N, C-alpha and C. Protein backbone atom coordinates (compact mmCIF):
# COMPACT_ATOMS: atom_id res chain seq x y z
N ASN A 1 3.54 19.03 8.14
CA ASN A 1 2.46 19.97 8.37
C ASN A 1 2.35 20.89 7.16
N ILE A 2 1.19 20.89 6.53
CA ILE A 2 1.01 21.67 5.30
C ILE A 2 1.14 23.17 5.53
N SER A 3 0.82 23.64 6.74
CA SER A 3 0.92 25.08 7.00
C SER A 3 2.37 25.55 6.99
N SER A 4 3.32 24.64 7.14
CA SER A 4 4.73 25.03 7.11
C SER A 4 5.21 25.38 5.71
N ILE A 5 4.41 25.05 4.72
CA ILE A 5 4.80 25.34 3.34
C ILE A 5 4.69 26.83 3.04
N GLY A 6 3.77 27.50 3.70
CA GLY A 6 3.56 28.91 3.43
C GLY A 6 2.57 29.09 2.31
N SER A 7 2.67 30.20 1.63
CA SER A 7 1.74 30.53 0.54
C SER A 7 1.98 29.62 -0.65
N PHE A 8 0.89 29.24 -1.31
CA PHE A 8 1.01 28.40 -2.49
C PHE A 8 1.16 29.24 -3.75
N GLY A 9 1.33 30.53 -3.58
CA GLY A 9 1.55 31.39 -4.73
C GLY A 9 0.28 31.59 -5.53
N ASN A 10 0.42 31.64 -6.81
CA ASN A 10 -0.66 31.91 -7.74
C ASN A 10 -1.60 30.70 -7.83
N PRO A 11 -2.89 30.87 -7.41
CA PRO A 11 -3.82 29.73 -7.47
C PRO A 11 -3.99 29.16 -8.88
N SER A 12 -3.94 30.01 -9.89
CA SER A 12 -4.11 29.49 -11.25
C SER A 12 -2.91 28.62 -11.66
N ASP A 13 -1.72 28.95 -11.16
CA ASP A 13 -0.54 28.12 -11.43
C ASP A 13 -0.70 26.75 -10.77
N LEU A 14 -1.20 26.73 -9.54
CA LEU A 14 -1.42 25.47 -8.86
C LEU A 14 -2.48 24.64 -9.59
N ASP A 15 -3.57 25.28 -9.99
CA ASP A 15 -4.62 24.58 -10.75
C ASP A 15 -4.06 24.00 -12.04
N GLU A 16 -3.25 24.78 -12.73
CA GLU A 16 -2.65 24.33 -14.00
C GLU A 16 -1.70 23.16 -13.76
N THR A 17 -0.92 23.24 -12.69
CA THR A 17 0.02 22.17 -12.35
C THR A 17 -0.73 20.87 -12.07
N ILE A 18 -1.76 20.95 -11.25
CA ILE A 18 -2.55 19.76 -10.90
C ILE A 18 -3.22 19.19 -12.14
N ALA A 19 -3.78 20.05 -12.98
CA ALA A 19 -4.44 19.59 -14.21
C ALA A 19 -3.43 18.89 -15.13
N THR A 20 -2.22 19.44 -15.23
CA THR A 20 -1.18 18.83 -16.06
C THR A 20 -0.78 17.46 -15.51
N LEU A 21 -0.54 17.39 -14.20
CA LEU A 21 -0.17 16.11 -13.59
C LEU A 21 -1.27 15.07 -13.80
N ASP A 22 -2.52 15.47 -13.60
CA ASP A 22 -3.63 14.53 -13.81
C ASP A 22 -3.72 14.08 -15.25
N SER A 23 -3.56 15.00 -16.17
CA SER A 23 -3.62 14.66 -17.59
C SER A 23 -2.51 13.68 -17.97
N LEU A 24 -1.30 13.98 -17.50
CA LEU A 24 -0.16 13.12 -17.82
C LEU A 24 -0.27 11.75 -17.15
N CYS A 25 -0.71 11.72 -15.91
CA CYS A 25 -0.77 10.43 -15.22
C CYS A 25 -1.80 9.51 -15.85
N HIS A 26 -2.87 10.07 -16.39
CA HIS A 26 -3.90 9.24 -17.01
C HIS A 26 -3.45 8.66 -18.36
N GLN A 27 -2.31 9.12 -18.85
CA GLN A 27 -1.74 8.55 -20.08
C GLN A 27 -0.89 7.30 -19.81
N ILE A 28 -0.59 7.06 -18.53
CA ILE A 28 0.31 5.98 -18.16
C ILE A 28 -0.44 4.65 -18.06
N ASN A 29 0.10 3.64 -18.72
CA ASN A 29 -0.41 2.28 -18.58
C ASN A 29 0.29 1.71 -17.35
N THR A 30 -0.45 1.50 -16.27
CA THR A 30 0.19 1.06 -15.02
C THR A 30 0.72 -0.37 -15.08
N ARG A 31 0.27 -1.13 -16.04
CA ARG A 31 0.82 -2.48 -16.21
C ARG A 31 2.15 -2.44 -16.97
N LYS A 32 2.30 -1.43 -17.83
CA LYS A 32 3.52 -1.29 -18.63
C LYS A 32 3.86 0.20 -18.78
N PRO A 33 4.26 0.85 -17.67
CA PRO A 33 4.53 2.29 -17.76
C PRO A 33 5.66 2.64 -18.72
N ASN A 34 6.57 1.70 -18.93
CA ASN A 34 7.71 1.96 -19.82
C ASN A 34 7.34 1.97 -21.29
N THR A 35 6.07 1.71 -21.63
CA THR A 35 5.65 1.74 -23.04
C THR A 35 5.17 3.12 -23.48
N HIS A 36 5.04 4.06 -22.55
CA HIS A 36 4.64 5.42 -22.93
C HIS A 36 5.74 6.01 -23.81
N PRO A 37 5.37 6.77 -24.84
CA PRO A 37 6.39 7.35 -25.74
C PRO A 37 7.44 8.21 -25.03
N ARG A 38 7.11 8.79 -23.89
CA ARG A 38 8.07 9.64 -23.18
C ARG A 38 8.63 8.96 -21.92
N ALA A 39 8.41 7.66 -21.79
CA ALA A 39 8.82 6.94 -20.58
C ALA A 39 10.31 7.10 -20.28
N LYS A 40 11.14 6.94 -21.28
CA LYS A 40 12.58 7.03 -21.07
C LYS A 40 12.97 8.42 -20.56
N GLU A 41 12.42 9.43 -21.20
CA GLU A 41 12.69 10.82 -20.80
C GLU A 41 12.24 11.06 -19.36
N TRP A 42 11.00 10.68 -19.06
CA TRP A 42 10.44 10.94 -17.73
C TRP A 42 11.11 10.11 -16.65
N ASP A 43 11.55 8.91 -16.98
CA ASP A 43 12.21 8.07 -15.99
C ASP A 43 13.63 8.55 -15.71
N SER A 44 14.19 9.32 -16.62
CA SER A 44 15.55 9.81 -16.43
C SER A 44 15.59 11.18 -15.73
N MET A 45 14.41 11.76 -15.46
CA MET A 45 14.38 13.04 -14.74
C MET A 45 13.67 12.87 -13.41
N THR A 46 14.12 13.63 -12.43
CA THR A 46 13.46 13.60 -11.13
C THR A 46 12.20 14.47 -11.18
N VAL A 47 11.35 14.26 -10.20
CA VAL A 47 10.16 15.12 -10.08
C VAL A 47 10.62 16.56 -9.88
N ASP A 48 11.65 16.76 -9.08
CA ASP A 48 12.19 18.10 -8.84
C ASP A 48 12.58 18.78 -10.15
N HIS A 49 13.24 18.05 -11.01
CA HIS A 49 13.67 18.62 -12.29
C HIS A 49 12.45 19.02 -13.12
N TRP A 50 11.45 18.14 -13.21
CA TRP A 50 10.24 18.45 -13.97
C TRP A 50 9.56 19.70 -13.40
N LEU A 51 9.47 19.77 -12.08
CA LEU A 51 8.83 20.94 -11.45
C LEU A 51 9.58 22.23 -11.79
N SER A 52 10.91 22.16 -11.78
CA SER A 52 11.70 23.38 -12.05
C SER A 52 11.49 23.88 -13.47
N ILE A 53 11.18 22.99 -14.38
CA ILE A 53 10.96 23.37 -15.78
C ILE A 53 9.52 23.82 -16.04
N HIS A 54 8.56 23.14 -15.44
CA HIS A 54 7.16 23.31 -15.83
C HIS A 54 6.26 24.07 -14.87
N VAL A 55 6.72 24.33 -13.66
CA VAL A 55 5.85 24.98 -12.67
C VAL A 55 6.43 26.35 -12.32
N LYS A 56 5.60 27.37 -12.50
CA LYS A 56 6.07 28.76 -12.36
C LYS A 56 6.33 29.17 -10.92
N SER A 57 5.39 28.91 -10.03
CA SER A 57 5.52 29.46 -8.67
C SER A 57 6.16 28.46 -7.70
N GLU A 58 6.99 29.00 -6.85
CA GLU A 58 7.65 28.18 -5.82
C GLU A 58 6.61 27.55 -4.90
N GLY A 59 5.54 28.27 -4.60
CA GLY A 59 4.50 27.72 -3.74
C GLY A 59 3.86 26.47 -4.33
N SER A 60 3.61 26.49 -5.62
CA SER A 60 3.04 25.31 -6.28
C SER A 60 4.03 24.16 -6.28
N ARG A 61 5.30 24.45 -6.52
CA ARG A 61 6.33 23.41 -6.48
C ARG A 61 6.41 22.81 -5.07
N GLN A 62 6.34 23.67 -4.05
CA GLN A 62 6.40 23.19 -2.67
C GLN A 62 5.22 22.28 -2.33
N LEU A 63 4.04 22.63 -2.81
CA LEU A 63 2.88 21.79 -2.51
C LEU A 63 3.01 20.41 -3.16
N VAL A 64 3.47 20.37 -4.40
CA VAL A 64 3.67 19.08 -5.07
C VAL A 64 4.73 18.27 -4.31
N ARG A 65 5.81 18.92 -3.93
CA ARG A 65 6.87 18.23 -3.17
C ARG A 65 6.32 17.68 -1.86
N TRP A 66 5.53 18.49 -1.17
CA TRP A 66 4.94 18.07 0.10
C TRP A 66 4.04 16.86 -0.11
N MET A 67 3.17 16.90 -1.12
CA MET A 67 2.26 15.79 -1.39
C MET A 67 3.05 14.52 -1.70
N LEU A 68 4.06 14.64 -2.53
CA LEU A 68 4.89 13.49 -2.89
C LEU A 68 5.55 12.90 -1.64
N THR A 69 6.10 13.73 -0.79
CA THR A 69 6.77 13.25 0.41
C THR A 69 5.79 12.59 1.37
N VAL A 70 4.63 13.19 1.55
CA VAL A 70 3.61 12.61 2.43
C VAL A 70 3.17 11.24 1.90
N CYS A 71 2.99 11.13 0.61
CA CYS A 71 2.47 9.90 0.01
C CYS A 71 3.50 8.80 -0.16
N THR A 72 4.76 9.17 -0.37
CA THR A 72 5.77 8.16 -0.68
C THR A 72 6.87 8.03 0.38
N GLY A 73 6.99 9.03 1.23
CA GLY A 73 8.09 9.01 2.20
C GLY A 73 9.44 9.35 1.57
N ARG A 74 9.42 9.85 0.36
CA ARG A 74 10.64 10.21 -0.37
C ARG A 74 10.61 11.68 -0.74
N GLU A 75 11.77 12.18 -1.11
CA GLU A 75 11.89 13.55 -1.57
C GLU A 75 11.72 13.58 -3.10
N SER A 76 11.29 14.73 -3.61
CA SER A 76 11.09 14.87 -5.05
C SER A 76 12.38 14.75 -5.84
N SER A 77 13.49 14.94 -5.19
CA SER A 77 14.80 14.79 -5.85
C SER A 77 15.23 13.32 -5.93
N GLU A 78 14.48 12.42 -5.28
CA GLU A 78 14.83 11.00 -5.24
C GLU A 78 14.02 10.15 -6.21
N LEU A 79 12.91 10.67 -6.70
CA LEU A 79 12.01 9.85 -7.50
C LEU A 79 11.92 10.34 -8.94
N SER A 80 11.80 9.39 -9.85
CA SER A 80 11.65 9.78 -11.24
C SER A 80 10.25 10.33 -11.49
N PHE A 81 10.16 11.18 -12.48
CA PHE A 81 8.86 11.76 -12.84
C PHE A 81 7.92 10.67 -13.34
N LEU A 82 8.44 9.67 -14.04
CA LEU A 82 7.60 8.56 -14.49
C LEU A 82 7.01 7.82 -13.30
N PHE A 83 7.82 7.58 -12.27
CA PHE A 83 7.29 6.91 -11.08
C PHE A 83 6.16 7.72 -10.46
N TRP A 84 6.34 9.04 -10.36
CA TRP A 84 5.32 9.89 -9.75
C TRP A 84 4.02 9.84 -10.56
N LEU A 85 4.12 9.85 -11.88
CA LEU A 85 2.92 9.73 -12.71
C LEU A 85 2.26 8.37 -12.52
N PHE A 86 3.06 7.31 -12.46
CA PHE A 86 2.55 5.97 -12.19
C PHE A 86 1.83 5.94 -10.85
N PHE A 87 2.45 6.51 -9.84
CA PHE A 87 1.88 6.54 -8.49
C PHE A 87 0.55 7.29 -8.49
N LEU A 88 0.52 8.47 -9.12
CA LEU A 88 -0.71 9.25 -9.20
C LEU A 88 -1.82 8.46 -9.91
N LYS A 89 -1.47 7.80 -11.00
CA LYS A 89 -2.46 7.02 -11.75
C LYS A 89 -3.02 5.89 -10.89
N GLU A 90 -2.15 5.17 -10.22
CA GLU A 90 -2.58 4.07 -9.36
C GLU A 90 -3.49 4.56 -8.23
N ALA A 91 -3.23 5.76 -7.74
CA ALA A 91 -4.01 6.33 -6.64
C ALA A 91 -5.35 6.90 -7.10
N GLY A 92 -5.51 7.08 -8.41
CA GLY A 92 -6.75 7.66 -8.91
C GLY A 92 -6.64 9.14 -9.24
N GLY A 93 -5.43 9.67 -9.22
CA GLY A 93 -5.22 11.08 -9.55
C GLY A 93 -5.01 11.94 -8.32
N TRP A 94 -4.66 13.18 -8.58
CA TRP A 94 -4.35 14.14 -7.51
C TRP A 94 -5.51 14.32 -6.55
N ALA A 95 -6.72 14.49 -7.07
CA ALA A 95 -7.88 14.77 -6.20
C ALA A 95 -8.13 13.64 -5.21
N THR A 96 -7.93 12.42 -5.65
CA THR A 96 -8.12 11.27 -4.74
C THR A 96 -7.10 11.32 -3.62
N LEU A 97 -5.86 11.61 -3.93
CA LEU A 97 -4.83 11.71 -2.90
C LEU A 97 -5.10 12.88 -1.94
N ALA A 98 -5.51 13.99 -2.51
CA ALA A 98 -5.73 15.19 -1.69
C ALA A 98 -6.97 15.06 -0.81
N ASP A 99 -7.86 14.13 -1.14
CA ASP A 99 -9.12 14.00 -0.42
C ASP A 99 -9.08 12.94 0.68
N ILE A 100 -7.92 12.35 0.93
CA ILE A 100 -7.81 11.31 1.95
C ILE A 100 -8.11 11.93 3.31
N LYS A 101 -8.96 11.27 4.05
CA LYS A 101 -9.33 11.74 5.40
C LYS A 101 -8.77 10.78 6.43
N GLY A 102 -8.41 11.35 7.59
CA GLY A 102 -7.98 10.49 8.68
C GLY A 102 -6.51 10.34 8.82
């Protein structure tokens, strides 16, 4: 339940986080994600680790974690950041995932 997350903190931080994720995911070649120049780095870090470095507000981190868990059935500490970018790219980006109805 998304309401259990509480406040998402600073809206501009959330907007920046989503824009960054969308920008990065669109750089991924879904047929060969390991060919991206940062593939090794991103595959060796969890989504949780990336969030702790790049996202300022806890509310924004919680929303990304929630979305990842809803979409994959996994925790952000279990998945590599490269996988999450691959997943976002395959889905059409954050907005497509967030707009699912039903």
